[in-house]
């Protein structure tokens, strides 16, 4: 997620969903010979996941453009963008 206000301040947040391999002691491992259990932390097909992010902009910011991009990584190196949504927010003083 990227949020950019009208003053040029850009804020970023990232969330990752992935499978991890654990050894017998519960430590994360990468080598196939070390992995004894797979823990699936992926985002499953057709399952919605709500996330909350809090960004703090400067007090004089009046609006912000927020863009959310969803990437799918098959090999861990090259990601394909499979979803993107942008929204313009306006801040109102109370």
Protein backbone atom coordinates (compact mmCIF):
# COMPACT_ATOMS: atom_id res chain seq x y z
CA UNK A 1 0.00 0.00 0.00
CA UNK A 2 1.29 3.41 -0.95
CA UNK A 3 -0.22 6.66 0.32
CA UNK A 4 0.94 10.01 -1.05
CA UNK A 5 -0.39 13.33 0.23
CA UNK A 6 -0.70 16.62 -1.67
CA UNK A 7 2.54 17.86 -0.03
CA UNK A 8 4.57 15.05 -1.63
CA UNK A 9 4.97 12.87 1.46
CA UNK A 10 4.89 9.19 0.49
CA UNK A 11 4.25 6.42 3.03
CA UNK A 12 4.45 2.68 2.32
CA UNK A 13 3.30 -0.48 4.09
CA UNK A 14 3.71 -4.10 2.99
CA UNK A 15 2.00 -7.32 4.05
CA UNK A 16 3.17 -10.75 2.86
CA UNK A 17 1.42 -14.11 2.90
CA UNK A 18 3.61 -17.19 2.36
CA UNK A 19 4.34 -20.78 3.28
CA UNK A 20 7.15 -21.45 5.71
CA UNK A 21 8.98 -24.63 6.56
CA UNK A 22 9.71 -25.47 10.18
CA UNK A 23 12.13 -27.98 11.66
CA UNK A 24 11.30 -30.22 14.63
CA UNK A 25 12.13 -27.38 17.06
CA UNK A 26 9.77 -24.93 15.32
CA UNK A 27 12.51 -22.80 13.71
CA UNK A 28 12.03 -21.53 10.14
CA UNK A 29 14.10 -23.48 7.60
CA UNK A 30 14.66 -23.19 3.86
CA UNK A 31 16.42 -26.42 2.90
CA UNK A 32 14.10 -29.29 1.94
CA UNK A 33 16.18 -31.71 4.05
CA UNK A 34 15.62 -29.54 7.15
CA UNK A 35 11.85 -29.03 6.80
CA UNK A 36 9.69 -31.33 8.86
CA UNK A 37 6.42 -29.35 8.75
CA UNK A 38 4.90 -26.81 6.34
CA UNK A 39 2.97 -23.91 7.85
CA UNK A 40 0.65 -22.38 5.28
CA UNK A 41 0.38 -18.61 5.78
CA UNK A 42 -0.73 -17.92 2.20
CA UNK A 43 -3.78 -15.99 1.17
CA UNK A 44 -6.13 -18.70 -0.07
CA UNK A 45 -8.09 -18.35 -3.36
CA UNK A 46 -11.44 -16.53 -3.04
CA UNK A 47 -10.79 -15.75 0.64
CA UNK A 48 -11.00 -12.08 1.66
CA UNK A 49 -8.60 -10.74 4.24
CA UNK A 50 -9.21 -7.39 5.95
CA UNK A 51 -6.18 -5.35 6.86
CA UNK A 52 -5.92 -2.03 8.70
CA UNK A 53 -3.16 0.49 8.16
CA UNK A 54 -2.69 3.79 9.94
CA UNK A 55 -0.77 6.54 8.19
CA UNK A 56 0.05 9.87 9.83
CA UNK A 57 0.32 12.78 7.43
CA UNK A 58 1.46 16.32 8.16
CA UNK A 59 -1.21 18.56 9.67
CA UNK A 60 -1.38 20.78 6.58
CA UNK A 61 -2.13 17.89 4.18
CA UNK A 62 -5.59 18.23 2.65
CA UNK A 63 -5.79 15.07 0.52
CA UNK A 64 -3.99 11.82 -0.26
CA UNK A 65 -3.89 9.27 -3.05
CA UNK A 66 -3.90 5.68 -1.73
CA UNK A 67 -2.97 2.77 -3.99
CA UNK A 68 -3.15 -0.91 -3.08
CA UNK A 69 -1.35 -3.44 -5.28
CA UNK A 70 -1.60 -7.22 -4.92
CA UNK A 71 1.25 -9.27 -6.37
CA UNK A 72 1.57 -13.03 -6.83
CA UNK A 73 5.09 -14.46 -6.53
CA UNK A 74 5.63 -17.95 -7.89
CA UNK A 75 9.39 -18.16 -7.42
CA UNK A 76 9.93 -15.44 -4.85
CA UNK A 77 11.82 -13.21 -7.29
CA UNK A 78 9.42 -12.10 -10.03
CA UNK A 79 5.98 -10.94 -8.97
CA UNK A 80 2.96 -10.49 -11.20
CA UNK A 81 0.51 -7.72 -10.28
CA UNK A 82 -2.93 -9.36 -10.14
CA UNK A 83 -4.97 -6.55 -8.57
CA UNK A 84 -4.68 -2.80 -8.10
CA UNK A 85 -7.04 -0.20 -6.66
CA UNK A 86 -6.55 3.53 -6.09
CA UNK A 87 -8.64 6.00 -4.14
CA UNK A 88 -8.32 9.73 -3.49
CA UNK A 89 -9.06 10.78 0.09
CA UNK A 90 -9.88 14.33 1.20
CA UNK A 91 -9.30 15.41 4.77
CA UNK A 92 -11.91 17.59 6.45
CA UNK A 93 -11.34 19.67 9.57
CA UNK A 94 -13.92 19.32 12.29
